[in-house]
């Protein structure tokens, strides 16, 4: 099973983006989503951006993850 967390694109150079996942930054390939721009939110799998999300949906998902994290902390 794969769990996907949205990340925000903070830089793009060619077909490679730097994506911020809550302070953890990773290089991600954009080959599958050539229309992604800085500021967009994406879902990443095995180093490739596979889905673009609008900001509202991305923030809803991040809020849900934060609630899960709080629940696990007790």
PDB file of N, CA and C in Angstrom:
ATOM      1  N   UNK A   1       0.843  -1.180   0.000  1.00  0.00           N
ATOM      2  CA  UNK A   1       0.000   0.000   0.000  1.00  0.00           C
ATOM      3  C   UNK A   1       0.884   1.237   0.000  1.00  0.00           C
ATOM      4  N   UNK A   2       0.454   2.245  -0.706  1.00  0.00           N
ATOM      5  CA  UNK A   2       1.204   3.489  -0.810  1.00  0.00           C
ATOM      6  C   UNK A   2       0.376   4.622  -0.200  1.00  0.00           C
ATOM      7  N   UNK A   3       1.008   5.414   0.633  1.00  0.00           N
ATOM      8  CA  UNK A   3       0.352   6.583   1.207  1.00  0.00           C
ATOM      9  C   UNK A   3       0.942   7.822   0.553  1.00  0.00           C
ATOM     10  N   UNK A   4       0.103   8.691   0.067  1.00  0.00           N
ATOM     11  CA  UNK A   4       0.575   9.873  -0.643  1.00  0.00           C
ATOM     12  C   UNK A   4       0.284  11.123   0.160  1.00  0.00           C
ATOM     13  N   UNK A   5       1.285  11.968   0.247  1.00  0.00           N
ATOM     14  CA  UNK A   5       1.159  13.243   0.939  1.00  0.00           C
ATOM     15  C   UNK A   5       1.463  14.338  -0.074  1.00  0.00           C
ATOM     16  N   UNK A   6       0.627  15.371  -0.157  1.00  0.00           N
ATOM     17  CA  UNK A   6       0.912  16.452  -1.096  1.00  0.00           C
ATOM     18  C   UNK A   6       2.177  17.207  -0.710  1.00  0.00           C
ATOM     19  N   UNK A   7       2.887  17.652  -1.717  1.00  0.00           N
ATOM     20  CA  UNK A   7       4.047  18.512  -1.517  1.00  0.00           C
ATOM     21  C   UNK A   7       3.913  19.731  -2.404  1.00  0.00           C
ATOM     22  N   UNK A   8       4.538  20.833  -1.986  1.00  0.00           N
ATOM     23  CA  UNK A   8       4.453  22.083  -2.731  1.00  0.00           C
ATOM     24  C   UNK A   8       5.717  22.279  -3.562  1.00  0.00           C
ATOM     25  N   UNK A   9       5.536  22.547  -4.845  1.00  0.00           N
ATOM     26  CA  UNK A   9       6.659  22.784  -5.746  1.00  0.00           C
ATOM     27  C   UNK A   9       7.257  24.151  -5.422  1.00  0.00           C
ATOM     28  N   UNK A  10       8.552  24.158  -5.093  1.00  0.00           N
ATOM     29  CA  UNK A  10       9.192  25.425  -4.735  1.00  0.00           C
ATOM     30  C   UNK A  10      10.233  25.875  -5.752  1.00  0.00           C
ATOM     31  N   UNK A  11      10.637  24.980  -6.664  1.00  0.00           N
ATOM     32  CA  UNK A  11      11.601  25.350  -7.703  1.00  0.00           C
ATOM     33  C   UNK A  11      11.493  24.343  -8.839  1.00  0.00           C
ATOM     34  N   UNK A  12      11.695  24.827 -10.052  1.00  0.00           N
ATOM     35  CA  UNK A  12      11.692  23.955 -11.224  1.00  0.00           C
ATOM     36  C   UNK A  12      12.878  24.312 -12.097  1.00  0.00           C
ATOM     37  N   UNK A  13      13.583  23.268 -12.525  1.00  0.00           N
ATOM     38  CA  UNK A  13      14.666  23.443 -13.484  1.00  0.00           C
ATOM     39  C   UNK A  13      14.544  22.317 -14.505  1.00  0.00           C
ATOM     40  N   UNK A  14      14.130  22.661 -15.710  1.00  0.00           N
ATOM     41  CA  UNK A  14      13.896  21.647 -16.732  1.00  0.00           C
ATOM     42  C   UNK A  14      12.730  20.763 -16.329  1.00  0.00           C
ATOM     43  N   UNK A  15      12.970  19.453 -16.291  1.00  0.00           N
ATOM     44  CA  UNK A  15      11.926  18.499 -15.906  1.00  0.00           C
ATOM     45  C   UNK A  15      12.087  18.017 -14.472  1.00  0.00           C
ATOM     46  N   UNK A  16      12.850  18.759 -13.683  1.00  0.00           N
ATOM     47  CA  UNK A  16      13.057  18.399 -12.281  1.00  0.00           C
ATOM     48  C   UNK A  16      12.572  19.535 -11.389  1.00  0.00           C
ATOM     49  N   UNK A  17      11.841  19.168 -10.349  1.00  0.00           N
ATOM     50  CA  UNK A  17      11.334  20.154  -9.393  1.00  0.00           C
ATOM     51  C   UNK A  17      11.876  19.832  -8.009  1.00  0.00           C
ATOM     52  N   UNK A  18      11.952  20.854  -7.189  1.00  0.00           N
ATOM     53  CA  UNK A  18      12.182  20.656  -5.762  1.00  0.00           C
ATOM     54  C   UNK A  18      10.817  20.810  -5.111  1.00  0.00           C
ATOM     55  N   UNK A  19      10.425  19.782  -4.359  1.00  0.00           N
ATOM     56  CA  UNK A  19       9.110  19.761  -3.719  1.00  0.00           C
ATOM     57  C   UNK A  19       9.299  19.725  -2.211  1.00  0.00           C
ATOM     58  N   UNK A  20       8.563  20.587  -1.517  1.00  0.00           N
ATOM     59  CA  UNK A  20       8.631  20.698  -0.063  1.00  0.00           C
ATOM     60  C   UNK A  20       7.485  19.915   0.554  1.00  0.00           C
ATOM     61  N   UNK A  21       7.856  18.904   1.335  1.00  0.00           N
ATOM     62  CA  UNK A  21       6.881  18.094   2.066  1.00  0.00           C
ATOM     63  C   UNK A  21       6.977  18.456   3.543  1.00  0.00           C
ATOM     64  N   UNK A  22       6.419  19.594   3.907  1.00  0.00           N
ATOM     65  CA  UNK A  22       6.426  20.016   5.304  1.00  0.00           C
ATOM     66  C   UNK A  22       7.821  20.229   5.872  1.00  0.00           C
ATOM     67  N   UNK A  23       8.711  20.785   5.090  1.00  0.00           N
ATOM     68  CA  UNK A  23      10.075  21.052   5.533  1.00  0.00           C
ATOM     69  C   UNK A  23      11.098  20.067   4.999  1.00  0.00           C
ATOM     70  N   UNK A  24      10.652  18.944   4.502  1.00  0.00           N
ATOM     71  CA  UNK A  24      11.542  17.964   3.867  1.00  0.00           C
ATOM     72  C   UNK A  24      11.478  18.218   2.367  1.00  0.00           C
ATOM     73  N   UNK A  25      12.623  18.559   1.785  1.00  0.00           N
ATOM     74  CA  UNK A  25      12.662  18.893   0.365  1.00  0.00           C
ATOM     75  C   UNK A  25      13.278  17.742  -0.426  1.00  0.00           C
ATOM     76  N   UNK A  26      12.639  17.408  -1.543  1.00  0.00           N
ATOM     77  CA  UNK A  26      13.089  16.317  -2.395  1.00  0.00           C
ATOM     78  C   UNK A  26      13.041  16.750  -3.859  1.00  0.00           C
ATOM     79  N   UNK A  27      13.977  16.215  -4.643  1.00  0.00           N
ATOM     80  CA  UNK A  27      13.916  16.411  -6.085  1.00  0.00           C
ATOM     81  C   UNK A  27      12.920  15.420  -6.666  1.00  0.00           C
ATOM     82  N   UNK A  28      12.103  15.909  -7.596  1.00  0.00           N
ATOM     83  CA  UNK A  28      11.023  15.125  -8.177  1.00  0.00           C
ATOM     84  C   UNK A  28      11.027  15.353  -9.690  1.00  0.00           C
ATOM     85  N   UNK A  29      10.806  14.306 -10.442  1.00  0.00           N
ATOM     86  CA  UNK A  29      10.704  14.405 -11.894  1.00  0.00           C
ATOM     87  C   UNK A  29       9.295  14.846 -12.295  1.00  0.00           C
ATOM     88  N   UNK A  30       9.218  15.685 -13.326  1.00  0.00           N
ATOM     89  CA  UNK A  30       7.945  16.218 -13.807  1.00  0.00           C
ATOM     90  C   UNK A  30       7.551  15.662 -15.175  1.00  0.00           C
ATOM     91  N   UNK A  31       8.183  14.597 -15.610  1.00  0.00           N
ATOM     92  CA  UNK A  31       7.930  14.046 -16.945  1.00  0.00           C
ATOM     93  C   UNK A  31       6.449  13.758 -17.201  1.00  0.00           C
ATOM     94  N   UNK A  32       5.721  13.336 -16.175  1.00  0.00           N
ATOM     95  CA  UNK A  32       4.315  12.956 -16.350  1.00  0.00           C
ATOM     96  C   UNK A  32       3.346  14.129 -16.223  1.00  0.00           C
ATOM     97  N   UNK A  33       3.831  15.253 -15.701  1.00  0.00           N
ATOM     98  CA  UNK A  33       2.987  16.442 -15.500  1.00  0.00           C
ATOM     99  C   UNK A  33       3.728  17.691 -15.984  1.00  0.00           C
ATOM    100  N   UNK A  34       3.856  17.871 -17.287  1.00  0.00           N
ATOM    101  CA  UNK A  34       4.656  18.988 -17.800  1.00  0.00           C
ATOM    102  C   UNK A  34       4.077  20.376 -17.530  1.00  0.00           C
ATOM    103  N   UNK A  35       2.802  20.471 -17.107  1.00  0.00           N
ATOM    104  CA  UNK A  35       2.178  21.775 -16.880  1.00  0.00           C
ATOM    105  C   UNK A  35       2.318  22.277 -15.445  1.00  0.00           C
ATOM    106  N   UNK A  36       3.064  21.567 -14.600  1.00  0.00           N
ATOM    107  CA  UNK A  36       3.235  21.974 -13.197  1.00  0.00           C
ATOM    108  C   UNK A  36       4.069  23.249 -13.122  1.00  0.00           C
ATOM    109  N   UNK A  37       3.668  24.145 -12.204  1.00  0.00           N
ATOM    110  CA  UNK A  37       4.367  25.418 -11.999  1.00  0.00           C
ATOM    111  C   UNK A  37       4.774  25.553 -10.531  1.00  0.00           C
ATOM    112  N   UNK A  38       5.725  26.431 -10.270  1.00  0.00           N
ATOM    113  CA  UNK A  38       6.107  26.740  -8.891  1.00  0.00           C
ATOM    114  C   UNK A  38       4.860  27.201  -8.147  1.00  0.00           C
ATOM    115  N   UNK A  39       4.667  26.660  -6.945  1.00  0.00           N
ATOM    116  CA  UNK A  39       3.502  26.984  -6.133  1.00  0.00           C
ATOM    117  C   UNK A  39       2.410  25.929  -6.203  1.00  0.00           C
ATOM    118  N   UNK A  40       2.463  25.051  -7.212  1.00  0.00           N
ATOM    119  CA  UNK A  40       1.477  23.965  -7.323  1.00  0.00           C
ATOM    120  C   UNK A  40       1.754  22.894  -6.268  1.00  0.00           C
ATOM    121  N   UNK A  41       0.717  22.155  -5.939  1.00  0.00           N
ATOM    122  CA  UNK A  41       0.851  20.984  -5.058  1.00  0.00           C
ATOM    123  C   UNK A  41       0.764  19.729  -5.912  1.00  0.00           C
ATOM    124  N   UNK A  42       1.605  18.759  -5.599  1.00  0.00           N
ATOM    125  CA  UNK A  42       1.633  17.515  -6.352  1.00  0.00           C
ATOM    126  C   UNK A  42       1.674  16.316  -5.416  1.00  0.00           C
ATOM    127  N   UNK A  43       1.236  15.178  -5.947  1.00  0.00           N
ATOM    128  CA  UNK A  43       1.398  13.886  -5.293  1.00  0.00           C
ATOM    129  C   UNK A  43       2.554  13.199  -6.009  1.00  0.00           C
ATOM    130  N   UNK A  44       3.461  12.588  -5.252  1.00  0.00           N
ATOM    131  CA  UNK A  44       4.666  11.993  -5.813  1.00  0.00           C
ATOM    132  C   UNK A  44       4.695  10.501  -5.505  1.00  0.00           C
ATOM    133  N   UNK A  45       5.112   9.728  -6.499  1.00  0.00           N
ATOM    134  CA  UNK A  45       5.308   8.284  -6.310  1.00  0.00           C
ATOM    135  C   UNK A  45       6.604   7.893  -7.003  1.00  0.00           C
ATOM    136  N   UNK A  46       7.468   7.231  -6.283  1.00  0.00           N
ATOM    137  CA  UNK A  46       8.779   6.770  -6.764  1.00  0.00           C
ATOM    138  C   UNK A  46       9.558   7.856  -7.503  1.00  0.00           C
ATOM    139  N   UNK A  47       9.497   9.068  -6.968  1.00  0.00           N
ATOM    140  CA  UNK A  47      10.281  10.163  -7.512  1.00  0.00           C
ATOM    141  C   UNK A  47       9.651  10.928  -8.659  1.00  0.00           C
ATOM    142  N   UNK A  48       8.437  10.557  -9.051  1.00  0.00           N
ATOM    143  CA  UNK A  48       7.742  11.237 -10.141  1.00  0.00           C
ATOM    144  C   UNK A  48       6.471  11.887  -9.621  1.00  0.00           C
ATOM    145  N   UNK A  49       6.227  13.138 -10.031  1.00  0.00           N
ATOM    146  CA  UNK A  49       4.949  13.788  -9.743  1.00  0.00           C
ATOM    147  C   UNK A  49       3.903  13.093 -10.607  1.00  0.00           C
ATOM    148  N   UNK A  50       2.863  12.541  -9.957  1.00  0.00           N
ATOM    149  CA  UNK A  50       1.862  11.779 -10.705  1.00  0.00           C
ATOM    150  C   UNK A  50       0.488  12.433 -10.726  1.00  0.00           C
ATOM    151  N   UNK A  51       0.303  13.429  -9.875  1.00  0.00           N
ATOM    152  CA  UNK A  51      -1.001  14.111  -9.842  1.00  0.00           C
ATOM    153  C   UNK A  51      -0.810  15.523  -9.318  1.00  0.00           C
ATOM    154  N   UNK A  52      -1.512  16.456  -9.944  1.00  0.00           N
ATOM    155  CA  UNK A  52      -1.506  17.846  -9.489  1.00  0.00           C
ATOM    156  C   UNK A  52      -2.793  18.086  -8.718  1.00  0.00           C
ATOM    157  N   UNK A  53      -2.693  18.763  -7.566  1.00  0.00           N
ATOM    158  CA  UNK A  53      -3.858  19.066  -6.742  1.00  0.00           C
ATOM    159  C   UNK A  53      -4.033  20.569  -6.651  1.00  0.00           C
ATOM    160  N   UNK A  54      -5.296  20.997  -6.546  1.00  0.00           N
ATOM    161  CA  UNK A  54      -5.483  22.414  -6.275  1.00  0.00           C
ATOM    162  C   UNK A  54      -5.150  22.659  -4.797  1.00  0.00           C
ATOM    163  N   UNK A  55      -4.833  23.892  -4.467  1.00  0.00           N
ATOM    164  CA  UNK A  55      -4.364  24.216  -3.121  1.00  0.00           C
ATOM    165  C   UNK A  55      -5.388  23.839  -2.050  1.00  0.00           C
ATOM    166  N   UNK A  56      -6.673  24.073  -2.310  1.00  0.00           N
ATOM    167  CA  UNK A  56      -7.704  23.762  -1.316  1.00  0.00           C
ATOM    168  C   UNK A  56      -7.678  22.279  -0.957  1.00  0.00           C
ATOM    169  N   UNK A  57      -7.647  21.414  -1.962  1.00  0.00           N
ATOM    170  CA  UNK A  57      -7.642  19.962  -1.723  1.00  0.00           C
ATOM    171  C   UNK A  57      -6.352  19.540  -1.020  1.00  0.00           C
ATOM    172  N   UNK A  58      -5.227  20.091  -1.437  1.00  0.00           N
ATOM    173  CA  UNK A  58      -3.946  19.749  -0.809  1.00  0.00           C
ATOM    174  C   UNK A  58      -3.957  20.116   0.671  1.00  0.00           C
ATOM    175  N   UNK A  59      -4.471  21.288   1.007  1.00  0.00           N
ATOM    176  CA  UNK A  59      -4.499  21.720   2.401  1.00  0.00           C
ATOM    177  C   UNK A  59      -5.469  20.875   3.227  1.00  0.00           C
ATOM    178  N   UNK A  60      -6.569  20.422   2.616  1.00  0.00           N
ATOM    179  CA  UNK A  60      -7.492  19.515   3.314  1.00  0.00           C
ATOM    180  C   UNK A  60      -6.791  18.200   3.669  1.00  0.00           C
ATOM    181  N   UNK A  61      -6.027  17.664   2.718  1.00  0.00           N
ATOM    182  CA  UNK A  61      -5.300  16.412   2.958  1.00  0.00           C
ATOM    183  C   UNK A  61      -4.236  16.604   4.034  1.00  0.00           C
ATOM    184  N   UNK A  62      -3.499  17.704   3.963  1.00  0.00           N
ATOM    185  CA  UNK A  62      -2.463  17.968   4.969  1.00  0.00           C
ATOM    186  C   UNK A  62      -3.071  18.140   6.357  1.00  0.00           C
ATOM    187  N   UNK A  63      -4.244  18.767   6.429  1.00  0.00           N
ATOM    188  CA  UNK A  63      -4.931  18.922   7.712  1.00  0.00           C
ATOM    189  C   UNK A  63      -5.320  17.547   8.264  1.00  0.00           C
ATOM    190  N   UNK A  64      -5.825  16.669   7.404  1.00  0.00           N
ATOM    191  CA  UNK A  64      -6.206  15.321   7.843  1.00  0.00           C
ATOM    192  C   UNK A  64      -4.984  14.559   8.350  1.00  0.00           C
ATOM    193  N   UNK A  65      -3.847  14.676   7.664  1.00  0.00           N
ATOM    194  CA  UNK A  65      -2.621  14.012   8.122  1.00  0.00           C
ATOM    195  C   UNK A  65      -2.186  14.544   9.484  1.00  0.00           C
ATOM    196  N   UNK A  66      -2.328  15.852   9.686  1.00  0.00           N
ATOM    197  CA  UNK A  66      -1.951  16.443  10.979  1.00  0.00           C
ATOM    198  C   UNK A  66      -2.843  15.891  12.091  1.00  0.00           C
ATOM    199  N   UNK A  67      -4.131  15.681  11.798  1.00  0.00           N
ATOM    200  CA  UNK A  67      -5.040  15.106  12.794  1.00  0.00           C
ATOM    201  C   UNK A  67      -4.662  13.668  13.125  1.00  0.00           C
ATOM    202  N   UNK A  68      -4.268  12.906  12.123  1.00  0.00           N
ATOM    203  CA  UNK A  68      -3.819  11.533  12.357  1.00  0.00           C
ATOM    204  C   UNK A  68      -2.564  11.536  13.219  1.00  0.00           C
ATOM    205  N   UNK A  69      -1.640  12.418  12.914  1.00  0.00           N
ATOM    206  CA  UNK A  69      -0.388  12.508  13.691  1.00  0.00           C
ATOM    207  C   UNK A  69      -0.688  12.849  15.156  1.00  0.00           C
ATOM    208  N   UNK A  70      -1.585  13.816  15.376  1.00  0.00           N
ATOM    209  CA  UNK A  70      -1.949  14.167  16.765  1.00  0.00           C
ATOM    210  C   UNK A  70      -2.592  12.987  17.482  1.00  0.00           C
ATOM    211  N   UNK A  71      -3.455  12.249  16.807  1.00  0.00           N
ATOM    212  CA  UNK A  71      -4.117  11.103  17.409  1.00  0.00           C
ATOM    213  C   UNK A  71      -3.110  10.019  17.777  1.00  0.00           C
ATOM    214  N   UNK A  72      -2.108   9.833  16.955  1.00  0.00           N
ATOM    215  CA  UNK A  72      -1.095   8.810  17.244  1.00  0.00           C
ATOM    216  C   UNK A  72      -0.186   9.209  18.400  1.00  0.00           C
ATOM    217  N   UNK A  73      -0.014  10.511  18.578  1.00  0.00           N
ATOM    218  CA  UNK A  73       0.821  10.992  19.676  1.00  0.00           C
ATOM    219  C   UNK A  73       0.087  10.834  21.026  1.00  0.00           C
ATOM    220  N   UNK A  74      -1.215  10.682  20.960  1.00  0.00           N
ATOM    221  CA  UNK A  74      -2.009  10.435  22.178  1.00  0.00           C
ATOM    222  C   UNK A  74      -2.421  11.661  22.822  1.00  0.00           C
TER     223      UNK A  74
END
